[in-house]
């Protein structure tokens, strides 16, 4: 089989960019926590690279992308096991429906998505979870939350069948992780020892730029080839992130009286999250609106969460990724345009109410599933091994208590 070398090279590059996002996330979270917990939270991101890869090649890819609604999957919810250990896939096997790239390249690309998604959750329960319990959580969450959602949205499952769209991971990645983060926070409770603030803002900035850079592979790569939609997704990604960063900066300046670096960086991430499901389906003008809306809504979500005070989402995972993923999926239902992408749909603004309703309902149902299953799953894990660390470990810091290492001598 002769593949398109340009498309194949681009997709390998995109896969590498998405892989870079996980170390970027580790730096981002590592800078936001206190000095005694840097390695613990970074470890939770880096270990996902290894564990998720093992799970992906054994059953994960097959559960996500083997079979489709009415054709060999389980009621449109999860795929089958026809491709476990890459059974039936050779270097010359072409990706179905594309034909210009090998399945192995798509396998690698989607694996990078699977790696970073559970790692996103860790910022919510920072400084509170035992490493052993986290490893069990990582595996169980992928098997029972991430893989079914990916199959339903991208693998030919039920949501894909009824016309729900998600260009690069609004539902599949950010909404699922953000709502799972909220479930995890409700289970583990508040920290006994709260961080006084980010211990290393330059580390947060480094993490942000790696995430932003990798996000071009995340969004533009989701076209799976090089064409005009690839360029549209790339440009929309930068537009939304930039407008969101600026809006968040001025919001924080107005309400907190200082133009804060962490606010600017958080705003950029909120914009990146929210544009993700929309990137290849909306116009550049719509991307401006989406970026601005994302900052206002996610900033308010952070403020409400902090004001209520009865849940402790340490690094605002729910407020940025959960709310941003939900908002972006709904925004797609509003701003989508066939003029931007003939393979997409028209949204509410162009008179397609049914598409808007489908997007909204799908986002809400998947939110409830990710939240509920995560909460129950942690309860089950806690029956076998303690999920939460002891008060003494929180006091001393998890780096030395759990891993026997410290980030700073």
Foldseek 3Di string as FASTA:
>chain_A
DAAAPQLAVLLLVLLVLLLLLLLLVLLQLLQWADQQASCVLSVLSVVLLVLLVVVLQAAQVQFQAAAACVGQQDNLQTHDRCQGNHPPADCPDADPPPRRYGVVSVSSSVSSLLSVQLSLLQLQCGLWFAPVLSSVLSVVCSVPFLRRQNNNAPRNGVLVVVAQFFQFDLLNGQQLSLLLSQLVQVQRWDAPDAGPTRPHVVSSVSSLVSNLSSLLSRRLCSVSGDDPLSVQLNLLLVLLLQLQLVLQQVVCCVPVVHRDPVSSSLSSLLSNLLCRRVRSFAGSVLSNVSSNVSNVQLVVVVVVCVVVPGTGRPRSSNSRRNVSSLNSLLSCQAGGDCVRPVPHDHHVVVPDPVNSVSSNVVSVVSSCVSSVVSNVVSVVSCVPPNTTDDSVCSVSHVCCVNPNDGPPD
